């Protein structure tokens, strides 16, 4: 993104404060209550402590994701803030903003000129007024040279997005499995 980009915020979409507090209490409260006795006791098996640390780390990452996620409209670009990065896309590089094809999903998806397909975060629902506002702003800002993407381009973007999502899930499962295997190996070798 150009350092001279127009940084005037038009609108910022994120979960409401009461939703964030509810999620934090719902996820964090039971996690802390379950972990407290584990860390106070001296005779708790190391495996159980390691699993509890992994669960607490997962809860913390989920809370960070909920609190940080947002979709921000600027005069010259849209920014989608994710837990560990922010994707910025110029309005002229946005090829489409539409509802997810999956009928069970209420996500809005953005397709850019590089073929990246990603969800708009921060409570932007496919059938809400937020989605219509974002689409209207994009239609006014996209420029005269905009042409709709081909069906093949959209299909390839969907396949890549699905592959990235699957890779993240399998990577997380593999990391958790390796962690537990290392803990179990350490316990067996110590015994």
N, C-alpha and C. Protein backbone atom coordinates (compact mmCIF):
# COMPACT_ATOMS: atom_id res chain seq x y z
N UNK A 1 0.84 -1.17 0.00
CA UNK A 1 0.00 0.00 0.00
C UNK A 1 0.89 1.23 0.00
N UNK A 2 0.49 2.22 -0.72
CA UNK A 2 1.22 3.47 -0.84
C UNK A 2 1.23 4.20 0.50
N UNK A 3 2.42 4.66 0.97
CA UNK A 3 2.46 5.36 2.26
C UNK A 3 1.65 6.66 2.24
N UNK A 4 1.39 7.18 1.04
CA UNK A 4 0.61 8.41 0.94
C UNK A 4 -0.88 8.11 0.78
N UNK A 5 -1.27 6.88 1.04
CA UNK A 5 -2.67 6.48 0.87
C UNK A 5 -3.57 7.32 1.78
N UNK A 6 -4.78 7.50 1.31
CA UNK A 6 -5.76 8.27 2.07
C UNK A 6 -6.21 7.45 3.27
N UNK A 7 -5.87 7.89 4.47
CA UNK A 7 -6.14 7.12 5.69
C UNK A 7 -7.43 7.58 6.40
N UNK A 8 -8.27 8.33 5.72
CA UNK A 8 -9.51 8.75 6.35
C UNK A 8 -10.45 7.55 6.48
N UNK A 9 -10.83 7.26 7.69
CA UNK A 9 -11.71 6.12 7.95
C UNK A 9 -13.15 6.55 7.63
N UNK A 10 -13.78 5.79 6.75
CA UNK A 10 -15.19 6.03 6.43
C UNK A 10 -16.07 5.32 7.46
N UNK A 11 -15.76 4.06 7.69
CA UNK A 11 -16.51 3.29 8.70
C UNK A 11 -15.67 2.10 9.15
N UNK A 12 -15.87 1.71 10.40
CA UNK A 12 -15.17 0.56 10.97
C UNK A 12 -16.22 -0.42 11.48
N UNK A 13 -16.16 -1.65 10.96
CA UNK A 13 -17.09 -2.70 11.38
C UNK A 13 -16.36 -3.68 12.27
N UNK A 14 -16.88 -3.89 13.44
CA UNK A 14 -16.36 -4.90 14.36
C UNK A 14 -17.51 -5.36 15.24
N UNK A 15 -17.29 -6.43 15.98
CA UNK A 15 -18.33 -6.91 16.86
C UNK A 15 -18.64 -5.85 17.91
N UNK A 16 -19.88 -5.82 18.35
CA UNK A 16 -20.28 -4.87 19.38
C UNK A 16 -19.61 -5.22 20.71
N UNK A 17 -19.46 -4.22 21.55
CA UNK A 17 -18.78 -4.43 22.83
C UNK A 17 -19.48 -5.49 23.66
N UNK A 18 -20.79 -5.49 23.69
CA UNK A 18 -21.50 -6.49 24.50
C UNK A 18 -21.27 -7.90 23.96
N UNK A 19 -21.13 -8.04 22.63
CA UNK A 19 -20.82 -9.35 22.06
C UNK A 19 -19.42 -9.79 22.46
N UNK A 20 -18.46 -8.86 22.41
CA UNK A 20 -17.09 -9.18 22.78
C UNK A 20 -16.99 -9.56 24.27
N UNK A 21 -17.69 -8.82 25.11
CA UNK A 21 -17.67 -9.14 26.54
C UNK A 21 -18.31 -10.51 26.78
N UNK A 22 -19.43 -10.79 26.11
CA UNK A 22 -20.08 -12.09 26.27
C UNK A 22 -19.15 -13.22 25.85
N UNK A 23 -18.48 -13.06 24.70
CA UNK A 23 -17.55 -14.09 24.22
C UNK A 23 -16.40 -14.28 25.20
N UNK A 24 -15.87 -13.17 25.70
CA UNK A 24 -14.76 -13.24 26.64
C UNK A 24 -15.16 -13.96 27.92
N UNK A 25 -16.32 -13.61 28.45
CA UNK A 25 -16.79 -14.26 29.68
C UNK A 25 -17.12 -15.73 29.41
N UNK A 26 -17.77 -16.00 28.27
CA UNK A 26 -18.18 -17.36 27.94
C UNK A 26 -16.98 -18.28 27.71
N UNK A 27 -15.94 -17.77 27.03
CA UNK A 27 -14.75 -18.60 26.77
C UNK A 27 -13.73 -18.52 27.91
N UNK A 28 -13.47 -17.31 28.36
CA UNK A 28 -12.40 -17.11 29.35
C UNK A 28 -12.75 -17.55 30.75
N UNK A 29 -13.98 -17.30 31.17
CA UNK A 29 -14.39 -17.63 32.53
C UNK A 29 -14.23 -19.11 32.85
N UNK A 30 -14.86 -19.99 32.09
CA UNK A 30 -14.71 -21.43 32.38
C UNK A 30 -13.27 -21.92 32.23
N UNK A 31 -12.54 -21.34 31.30
CA UNK A 31 -11.15 -21.77 31.10
C UNK A 31 -10.29 -21.46 32.32
N UNK A 32 -10.44 -20.25 32.84
CA UNK A 32 -9.67 -19.86 34.02
C UNK A 32 -10.12 -20.68 35.23
N UNK A 33 -11.43 -20.88 35.35
CA UNK A 33 -11.93 -21.67 36.48
C UNK A 33 -11.43 -23.11 36.43
N UNK A 34 -11.33 -23.68 35.23
CA UNK A 34 -10.84 -25.06 35.10
C UNK A 34 -9.34 -25.14 35.31
N UNK A 35 -8.61 -24.10 34.94
CA UNK A 35 -7.15 -24.14 35.02
C UNK A 35 -6.63 -23.83 36.42
N UNK A 36 -7.35 -23.05 37.17
CA UNK A 36 -6.85 -22.62 38.48
C UNK A 36 -6.46 -23.79 39.39
N UNK A 37 -7.29 -24.81 39.59
CA UNK A 37 -6.88 -25.91 40.47
C UNK A 37 -5.70 -26.70 39.92
N UNK A 38 -5.57 -26.77 38.61
CA UNK A 38 -4.48 -27.53 38.00
C UNK A 38 -3.14 -26.90 38.34
N UNK A 39 -3.06 -25.59 38.30
CA UNK A 39 -1.79 -24.92 38.53
C UNK A 39 -1.49 -24.70 40.01
N UNK A 40 -2.48 -24.86 40.87
CA UNK A 40 -2.25 -24.71 42.31
C UNK A 40 -1.73 -25.99 42.95
N UNK A 41 -2.07 -27.13 42.38
CA UNK A 41 -1.68 -28.42 42.95
C UNK A 41 -0.26 -28.79 42.52
N UNK A 42 0.44 -29.49 43.40
CA UNK A 42 1.81 -29.92 43.11
C UNK A 42 1.87 -31.30 42.49
N UNK A 43 0.88 -32.13 42.75
CA UNK A 43 0.96 -33.53 42.31
C UNK A 43 0.16 -33.81 41.02
N UNK A 44 -0.11 -32.78 40.23
CA UNK A 44 -0.84 -32.97 38.98
C UNK A 44 0.14 -33.50 37.93
N UNK A 45 -0.25 -34.53 37.18
CA UNK A 45 0.65 -35.06 36.14
C UNK A 45 1.01 -34.00 35.10
N UNK A 46 2.24 -34.08 34.65
CA UNK A 46 2.75 -33.10 33.69
C UNK A 46 1.93 -33.11 32.39
N UNK A 47 1.44 -34.26 31.98
CA UNK A 47 0.64 -34.35 30.77
C UNK A 47 -0.62 -33.51 30.90
N UNK A 48 -1.26 -33.59 32.04
CA UNK A 48 -2.48 -32.82 32.25
C UNK A 48 -2.19 -31.33 32.24
N UNK A 49 -1.10 -30.93 32.85
CA UNK A 49 -0.71 -29.51 32.86
C UNK A 49 -0.43 -29.04 31.44
N UNK A 50 0.29 -29.86 30.65
CA UNK A 50 0.61 -29.48 29.27
C UNK A 50 -0.65 -29.34 28.42
N UNK A 51 -1.58 -30.27 28.58
CA UNK A 51 -2.84 -30.18 27.84
C UNK A 51 -3.61 -28.93 28.26
N UNK A 52 -3.61 -28.62 29.54
CA UNK A 52 -4.32 -27.43 30.02
C UNK A 52 -3.67 -26.16 29.47
N UNK A 53 -2.36 -26.12 29.39
CA UNK A 53 -1.67 -24.97 28.81
C UNK A 53 -2.05 -24.81 27.34
N UNK A 54 -2.13 -25.93 26.62
CA UNK A 54 -2.52 -25.88 25.21
C UNK A 54 -3.96 -25.38 25.06
N UNK A 55 -4.85 -25.83 25.90
CA UNK A 55 -6.25 -25.38 25.85
C UNK A 55 -6.33 -23.89 26.15
N UNK A 56 -5.62 -23.44 27.19
CA UNK A 56 -5.64 -22.01 27.54
C UNK A 56 -5.04 -21.15 26.43
N UNK A 57 -3.98 -21.64 25.79
CA UNK A 57 -3.39 -20.90 24.67
C UNK A 57 -4.38 -20.79 23.51
N UNK A 58 -5.11 -21.86 23.24
CA UNK A 58 -6.11 -21.83 22.18
C UNK A 58 -7.22 -20.84 22.50
N UNK A 59 -7.68 -20.83 23.74
CA UNK A 59 -8.71 -19.87 24.16
C UNK A 59 -8.20 -18.44 24.03
N UNK A 60 -6.96 -18.21 24.44
CA UNK A 60 -6.38 -16.87 24.33
C UNK A 60 -6.29 -16.42 22.87
N UNK A 61 -5.87 -17.32 21.99
CA UNK A 61 -5.81 -16.99 20.57
C UNK A 61 -7.20 -16.69 20.00
N UNK A 62 -8.20 -17.44 20.42
CA UNK A 62 -9.56 -17.19 19.97
C UNK A 62 -10.05 -15.82 20.45
N UNK A 63 -9.76 -15.48 21.70
CA UNK A 63 -10.16 -14.17 22.21
C UNK A 63 -9.46 -13.04 21.48
N UNK A 64 -8.18 -13.20 21.20
CA UNK A 64 -7.45 -12.20 20.43
C UNK A 64 -8.08 -12.03 19.05
N UNK A 65 -8.44 -13.14 18.43
CA UNK A 65 -9.06 -13.08 17.11
C UNK A 65 -10.39 -12.32 17.15
N UNK A 66 -11.23 -12.59 18.15
CA UNK A 66 -12.51 -11.90 18.24
C UNK A 66 -12.33 -10.41 18.50
N UNK A 67 -11.42 -10.05 19.40
CA UNK A 67 -11.25 -8.64 19.75
C UNK A 67 -10.56 -7.85 18.65
N UNK A 68 -9.68 -8.48 17.89
CA UNK A 68 -8.91 -7.75 16.88
C UNK A 68 -9.61 -7.66 15.52
N UNK A 69 -10.43 -8.62 15.18
CA UNK A 69 -11.03 -8.70 13.85
C UNK A 69 -11.92 -7.50 13.56
N UNK A 70 -11.73 -6.94 12.36
CA UNK A 70 -12.52 -5.78 11.93
C UNK A 70 -12.41 -5.62 10.42
N UNK A 71 -13.40 -4.96 9.86
CA UNK A 71 -13.35 -4.52 8.47
C UNK A 71 -13.44 -3.00 8.50
N UNK A 72 -12.45 -2.34 7.90
CA UNK A 72 -12.37 -0.88 7.96
C UNK A 72 -12.41 -0.32 6.54
N UNK A 73 -13.35 0.59 6.29
CA UNK A 73 -13.46 1.25 4.99
C UNK A 73 -12.71 2.56 5.04
N UNK A 74 -11.78 2.72 4.11
CA UNK A 74 -11.07 3.98 3.94
C UNK A 74 -11.52 4.59 2.63
N UNK A 75 -11.15 5.83 2.41
CA UNK A 75 -11.53 6.51 1.18
C UNK A 75 -10.99 5.79 -0.05
N UNK A 76 -9.76 5.28 0.01
CA UNK A 76 -9.15 4.69 -1.18
C UNK A 76 -8.91 3.18 -1.09
N UNK A 77 -9.22 2.55 0.05
CA UNK A 77 -9.02 1.11 0.17
C UNK A 77 -9.89 0.53 1.29
N UNK A 78 -9.91 -0.79 1.34
CA UNK A 78 -10.60 -1.51 2.41
C UNK A 78 -9.55 -2.32 3.15
N UNK A 79 -9.64 -2.36 4.45
CA UNK A 79 -8.69 -3.12 5.27
C UNK A 79 -9.47 -4.15 6.07
N UNK A 80 -9.00 -5.38 6.02
CA UNK A 80 -9.59 -6.46 6.81
C UNK A 80 -8.55 -6.86 7.85
N UNK A 81 -8.84 -6.52 9.11
CA UNK A 81 -7.89 -6.78 10.20
C UNK A 81 -8.16 -8.17 10.75
N UNK A 82 -7.14 -9.00 10.68
CA UNK A 82 -7.19 -10.37 11.17
C UNK A 82 -6.34 -10.46 12.43
N UNK A 83 -6.33 -11.61 13.10
CA UNK A 83 -5.59 -11.69 14.36
C UNK A 83 -4.12 -11.29 14.27
N UNK A 84 -3.42 -11.67 13.21
CA UNK A 84 -1.98 -11.41 13.16
C UNK A 84 -1.54 -10.61 11.94
N UNK A 85 -2.48 -10.09 11.16
CA UNK A 85 -2.12 -9.26 10.03
C UNK A 85 -3.34 -8.46 9.59
N UNK A 86 -3.07 -7.48 8.73
CA UNK A 86 -4.14 -6.68 8.14
C UNK A 86 -3.98 -6.72 6.63
N UNK A 87 -5.05 -7.11 5.96
CA UNK A 87 -5.06 -7.14 4.49
C UNK A 87 -5.66 -5.83 3.99
N UNK A 88 -4.88 -5.10 3.20
CA UNK A 88 -5.36 -3.85 2.62
C UNK A 88 -5.48 -4.02 1.11
N UNK A 89 -6.62 -3.64 0.58
CA UNK A 89 -6.87 -3.78 -0.85
C UNK A 89 -7.46 -2.47 -1.37
N UNK A 90 -6.84 -1.91 -2.41
CA UNK A 90 -7.37 -0.70 -3.04
C UNK A 90 -8.73 -1.02 -3.65
N UNK A 91 -9.61 -0.03 -3.65
CA UNK A 91 -10.94 -0.25 -4.21
C UNK A 91 -10.85 -0.65 -5.68
N UNK A 92 -9.88 -0.12 -6.39
CA UNK A 92 -9.75 -0.45 -7.82
C UNK A 92 -9.29 -1.89 -8.03
N UNK A 93 -8.71 -2.53 -7.00
CA UNK A 93 -8.26 -3.92 -7.09
C UNK A 93 -9.30 -4.92 -6.61
N UNK A 94 -10.42 -4.45 -6.08
CA UNK A 94 -11.48 -5.34 -5.63
C UNK A 94 -12.31 -5.75 -6.83
N UNK A 95 -12.39 -7.06 -7.08
CA UNK A 95 -13.17 -7.55 -8.21
C UNK A 95 -14.62 -7.85 -7.84
N UNK A 96 -14.84 -8.32 -6.62
CA UNK A 96 -16.22 -8.56 -6.18
C UNK A 96 -16.30 -8.60 -4.67
N UNK A 97 -17.46 -8.22 -4.19
CA UNK A 97 -17.82 -8.36 -2.78
C UNK A 97 -19.20 -8.98 -2.80
N UNK A 98 -19.29 -10.20 -2.30
CA UNK A 98 -20.56 -10.92 -2.37
C UNK A 98 -20.70 -11.89 -1.22
N UNK A 99 -21.93 -12.38 -1.06
CA UNK A 99 -22.20 -13.36 -0.02
C UNK A 99 -21.57 -14.69 -0.39
N UNK A 100 -21.19 -15.45 0.63
CA UNK A 100 -20.64 -16.79 0.43
C UNK A 100 -21.70 -17.68 -0.23
N UNK A 101 -21.26 -18.57 -1.13
CA UNK A 101 -22.18 -19.47 -1.82
C UNK A 101 -22.79 -20.51 -0.89
N UNK A 102 -22.10 -20.81 0.19
CA UNK A 102 -22.58 -21.82 1.13
C UNK A 102 -23.85 -21.31 1.82
N UNK A 103 -24.98 -22.01 1.67
CA UNK A 103 -26.23 -21.52 2.27
C UNK A 103 -26.20 -21.46 3.80
N UNK A 104 -25.32 -22.23 4.42
CA UNK A 104 -25.23 -22.22 5.88
C UNK A 104 -24.37 -21.08 6.40
N UNK A 105 -23.72 -20.35 5.49
CA UNK A 105 -22.81 -19.28 5.88
C UNK A 105 -23.46 -17.92 5.68
N UNK A 106 -23.14 -16.99 6.56
CA UNK A 106 -23.62 -15.62 6.40
C UNK A 106 -22.45 -14.66 6.18
N UNK A 107 -21.32 -15.21 5.70
CA UNK A 107 -20.13 -14.40 5.49
C UNK A 107 -20.20 -13.61 4.19
N UNK A 108 -19.53 -12.47 4.19
CA UNK A 108 -19.30 -11.70 2.97
C UNK A 108 -17.86 -11.95 2.55
N UNK A 109 -17.65 -12.21 1.26
CA UNK A 109 -16.32 -12.51 0.75
C UNK A 109 -15.86 -11.42 -0.21
N UNK A 110 -14.58 -11.11 -0.15
CA UNK A 110 -13.97 -10.14 -1.04
C UNK A 110 -12.99 -10.88 -1.94
N UNK A 111 -13.07 -10.62 -3.24
CA UNK A 111 -12.14 -11.19 -4.22
C UNK A 111 -11.34 -10.04 -4.80
N UNK A 112 -10.01 -10.15 -4.71
CA UNK A 112 -9.18 -9.07 -5.26
C UNK A 112 -8.55 -9.48 -6.59
N UNK A 113 -7.85 -8.55 -7.21
CA UNK A 113 -7.29 -8.78 -8.55
C UNK A 113 -6.17 -9.82 -8.56
N UNK A 114 -5.60 -10.15 -7.40
CA UNK A 114 -4.56 -11.18 -7.32
C UNK A 114 -5.15 -12.56 -7.11
N UNK A 115 -6.47 -12.66 -7.04
CA UNK A 115 -7.12 -13.96 -6.88
C UNK A 115 -7.27 -14.40 -5.43
N UNK A 116 -7.07 -13.49 -4.49
CA UNK A 116 -7.25 -13.84 -3.08
C UNK A 116 -8.72 -13.64 -2.72
N UNK A 117 -9.29 -14.63 -2.10
CA UNK A 117 -10.68 -14.59 -1.66
C UNK A 117 -10.67 -14.71 -0.15
N UNK A 118 -11.19 -13.70 0.54
CA UNK A 118 -11.20 -13.76 2.00
C UNK A 118 -12.45 -13.11 2.56
N UNK A 119 -12.78 -13.49 3.78
CA UNK A 119 -13.99 -13.02 4.43
C UNK A 119 -13.80 -11.63 5.00
N UNK A 120 -14.87 -10.85 4.99
CA UNK A 120 -14.90 -9.56 5.67
C UNK A 120 -15.26 -9.85 7.12
N UNK A 121 -14.42 -9.42 8.04
CA UNK A 121 -14.57 -9.75 9.45
C UNK A 121 -15.22 -8.62 10.23
N UNK A 122 -15.44 -8.87 11.48
CA UNK A 122 -15.96 -7.83 12.37
C UNK A 122 -17.47 -7.75 12.39
N UNK A 123 -18.13 -8.86 12.17
CA UNK A 123 -19.58 -8.86 12.25
C UNK A 123 -20.29 -8.43 10.99
N UNK A 124 -19.59 -8.39 9.85
CA UNK A 124 -20.23 -8.06 8.58
C UNK A 124 -21.00 -9.28 8.11
N UNK A 125 -22.32 -9.19 8.13
CA UNK A 125 -23.19 -10.30 7.76
C UNK A 125 -23.66 -10.12 6.32
N UNK A 126 -23.85 -11.23 5.63
CA UNK A 126 -24.22 -11.19 4.21
C UNK A 126 -25.57 -10.52 3.97
N UNK A 127 -26.46 -10.63 4.91
CA UNK A 127 -27.78 -10.09 4.69
C UNK A 127 -28.07 -8.88 5.59
N UNK A 128 -27.03 -8.26 6.07
CA UNK A 128 -27.19 -7.10 6.94
C UNK A 128 -27.00 -5.80 6.19
N UNK A 129 -27.31 -4.71 6.87
CA UNK A 129 -27.13 -3.40 6.24
C UNK A 129 -25.65 -3.07 6.03
N UNK A 130 -24.77 -3.70 6.84
CA UNK A 130 -23.34 -3.46 6.66
C UNK A 130 -22.88 -3.90 5.28
N UNK A 131 -23.35 -5.07 4.85
CA UNK A 131 -22.95 -5.61 3.55
C UNK A 131 -23.41 -4.69 2.43
N UNK A 132 -24.63 -4.19 2.50
CA UNK A 132 -25.15 -3.30 1.45
C UNK A 132 -24.35 -2.00 1.43
N UNK A 133 -24.00 -1.48 2.61
CA UNK A 133 -23.22 -0.24 2.69
C UNK A 133 -21.85 -0.43 2.05
N UNK A 134 -21.18 -1.55 2.37
CA UNK A 134 -19.86 -1.81 1.81
C UNK A 134 -19.94 -1.98 0.30
N UNK A 135 -20.93 -2.73 -0.18
CA UNK A 135 -21.09 -2.93 -1.62
C UNK A 135 -21.37 -1.60 -2.32
N UNK A 136 -22.22 -0.78 -1.75
CA UNK A 136 -22.52 0.53 -2.36
C UNK A 136 -21.27 1.40 -2.44
N UNK A 137 -20.49 1.43 -1.36
CA UNK A 137 -19.27 2.23 -1.36
C UNK A 137 -18.28 1.71 -2.40
N UNK A 138 -18.15 0.39 -2.48
CA UNK A 138 -17.25 -0.22 -3.47
C UNK A 138 -17.70 0.12 -4.88
N UNK A 139 -18.99 0.02 -5.16
CA UNK A 139 -19.50 0.31 -6.50
C UNK A 139 -19.23 1.75 -6.90
N UNK A 140 -19.29 2.68 -5.95
CA UNK A 140 -18.97 4.08 -6.24
C UNK A 140 -17.47 4.30 -6.39
N UNK A 141 -16.64 3.47 -5.73
CA UNK A 141 -15.20 3.70 -5.68
C UNK A 141 -14.38 2.85 -6.64
N UNK A 142 -14.96 1.89 -7.29
CA UNK A 142 -14.16 0.92 -8.06
C UNK A 142 -13.61 1.47 -9.37
N UNK A 143 -14.15 2.53 -9.88
CA UNK A 143 -13.60 3.12 -11.10
C UNK A 143 -14.32 2.64 -12.35
N UNK A 144 -14.05 3.33 -13.44
CA UNK A 144 -14.71 3.04 -14.71
C UNK A 144 -14.17 1.79 -15.39
N UNK A 145 -12.93 1.41 -15.09
CA UNK A 145 -12.30 0.29 -15.80
C UNK A 145 -12.68 -1.07 -15.22
N UNK A 146 -13.56 -1.13 -14.24
CA UNK A 146 -13.92 -2.38 -13.60
C UNK A 146 -14.71 -3.27 -14.55
N UNK A 147 -14.34 -4.53 -14.57
CA UNK A 147 -15.11 -5.55 -15.29
C UNK A 147 -15.29 -6.73 -14.36
N UNK A 148 -16.43 -7.41 -14.44
CA UNK A 148 -16.64 -8.55 -13.54
C UNK A 148 -15.64 -9.67 -13.83
N UNK A 149 -15.20 -10.39 -12.80
CA UNK A 149 -14.24 -11.47 -13.01
C UNK A 149 -14.90 -12.65 -13.73
N UNK A 150 -14.08 -13.41 -14.43
CA UNK A 150 -14.61 -14.58 -15.14
C UNK A 150 -14.96 -15.67 -14.13
N UNK A 151 -15.84 -16.57 -14.53
CA UNK A 151 -16.25 -17.67 -13.65
C UNK A 151 -15.07 -18.57 -13.31
N UNK A 152 -14.16 -18.77 -14.26
CA UNK A 152 -12.98 -19.61 -14.02
C UNK A 152 -12.06 -18.97 -12.98
N UNK A 153 -11.88 -17.65 -13.05
CA UNK A 153 -11.05 -16.93 -12.08
C UNK A 153 -11.63 -17.06 -10.68
N UNK A 154 -12.94 -16.89 -10.56
CA UNK A 154 -13.62 -17.01 -9.27
C UNK A 154 -13.51 -18.43 -8.73
N UNK A 155 -13.68 -19.41 -9.62
CA UNK A 155 -13.58 -20.81 -9.21
C UNK A 155 -12.19 -21.15 -8.67
N UNK A 156 -11.14 -20.69 -9.37
CA UNK A 156 -9.77 -20.93 -8.89
C UNK A 156 -9.54 -20.26 -7.55
N UNK A 157 -10.06 -19.05 -7.37
CA UNK A 157 -9.90 -18.35 -6.09
C UNK A 157 -10.59 -19.11 -4.96
N UNK A 158 -11.76 -19.66 -5.24
CA UNK A 158 -12.48 -20.43 -4.21
C UNK A 158 -11.70 -21.69 -3.84
N UNK A 159 -11.13 -22.36 -4.82
CA UNK A 159 -10.35 -23.57 -4.55
C UNK A 159 -9.12 -23.23 -3.70
N UNK A 160 -8.42 -22.14 -4.04
CA UNK A 160 -7.26 -21.72 -3.26
C UNK A 160 -7.65 -21.34 -1.83
N UNK A 161 -8.77 -20.66 -1.67
CA UNK A 161 -9.21 -20.26 -0.33
C UNK A 161 -9.56 -21.50 0.50
N UNK A 162 -10.20 -22.47 -0.11
CA UNK A 162 -10.53 -23.70 0.59
C UNK A 162 -9.27 -24.46 0.97
N UNK A 163 -8.29 -24.48 0.08
CA UNK A 163 -7.02 -25.16 0.37
C UNK A 163 -6.29 -24.47 1.53
N UNK A 164 -6.29 -23.14 1.55
CA UNK A 164 -5.64 -22.41 2.66
C UNK A 164 -6.33 -22.72 3.98
N UNK A 165 -7.65 -22.75 3.95
CA UNK A 165 -8.40 -23.05 5.16
C UNK A 165 -8.11 -24.46 5.66
N UNK A 166 -8.09 -25.42 4.77
CA UNK A 166 -7.79 -26.80 5.14
C UNK A 166 -6.36 -26.93 5.67
N UNK A 167 -5.43 -26.23 5.04
CA UNK A 167 -4.03 -26.28 5.48
C UNK A 167 -3.90 -25.72 6.90
N UNK A 168 -4.64 -24.65 7.21
CA UNK A 168 -4.58 -24.09 8.57
C UNK A 168 -5.10 -25.09 9.60
N UNK A 169 -6.22 -25.72 9.28
CA UNK A 169 -6.80 -26.70 10.21
C UNK A 169 -5.85 -27.86 10.42
N UNK A 170 -5.36 -28.44 9.33
CA UNK A 170 -4.45 -29.59 9.46
C UNK A 170 -3.14 -29.19 10.13
N UNK A 171 -2.65 -27.99 9.84
CA UNK A 171 -1.44 -27.52 10.51
C UNK A 171 -1.62 -27.38 12.00
N UNK A 172 -2.77 -26.86 12.42
CA UNK A 172 -3.07 -26.75 13.85
C UNK A 172 -3.18 -28.11 14.51
N UNK A 173 -3.86 -29.03 13.85
CA UNK A 173 -3.98 -30.38 14.40
C UNK A 173 -2.63 -31.08 14.50
N UNK A 174 -1.80 -30.90 13.48
CA UNK A 174 -0.47 -31.50 13.49
C UNK A 174 0.39 -30.91 14.61
N UNK A 175 0.33 -29.59 14.76
CA UNK A 175 1.10 -28.94 15.83
C UNK A 175 0.65 -29.44 17.21
N UNK A 176 -0.68 -29.53 17.40
CA UNK A 176 -1.19 -30.03 18.69
C UNK A 176 -0.77 -31.48 18.92
N UNK A 177 -0.83 -32.30 17.88
CA UNK A 177 -0.43 -33.70 18.01
C UNK A 177 1.05 -33.84 18.32
N UNK A 178 1.88 -33.06 17.65
CA UNK A 178 3.32 -33.10 17.93
C UNK A 178 3.62 -32.65 19.36
N UNK A 179 2.94 -31.61 19.78
CA UNK A 179 3.12 -31.11 21.14
C UNK A 179 2.78 -32.19 22.16
N UNK A 180 1.63 -32.82 21.99
CA UNK A 180 1.24 -33.88 22.92
C UNK A 180 2.17 -35.09 22.83
N UNK A 181 2.65 -35.42 21.63
CA UNK A 181 3.59 -36.53 21.48
C UNK A 181 4.91 -36.23 22.20
N UNK A 182 5.39 -35.00 22.09
CA UNK A 182 6.62 -34.62 22.80
C UNK A 182 6.44 -34.67 24.31
N UNK A 183 5.28 -34.20 24.78
CA UNK A 183 5.02 -34.26 26.21
C UNK A 183 4.95 -35.70 26.67
N UNK A 184 4.23 -36.55 25.92
CA UNK A 184 4.12 -37.96 26.29
C UNK A 184 5.48 -38.65 26.25
N UNK A 185 6.29 -38.33 25.26
CA UNK A 185 7.63 -38.92 25.15
C UNK A 185 8.49 -38.52 26.35
N UNK A 186 8.39 -37.26 26.73
CA UNK A 186 9.15 -36.78 27.89
C UNK A 186 8.73 -37.47 29.17
N UNK A 187 7.45 -37.70 29.30
CA UNK A 187 6.95 -38.38 30.50
C UNK A 187 7.40 -39.85 30.52
N UNK A 188 7.33 -40.50 29.37
CA UNK A 188 7.74 -41.90 29.29
C UNK A 188 9.24 -42.03 29.58
N UNK A 189 10.05 -41.13 29.03
CA UNK A 189 11.50 -41.20 29.26
C UNK A 189 11.86 -40.89 30.71
N UNK A 190 11.06 -40.03 31.36
CA UNK A 190 11.32 -39.71 32.77
C UNK A 190 10.92 -40.84 33.69
N UNK A 191 9.99 -41.69 33.26
CA UNK A 191 9.46 -42.73 34.14
C UNK A 191 10.42 -43.88 34.34
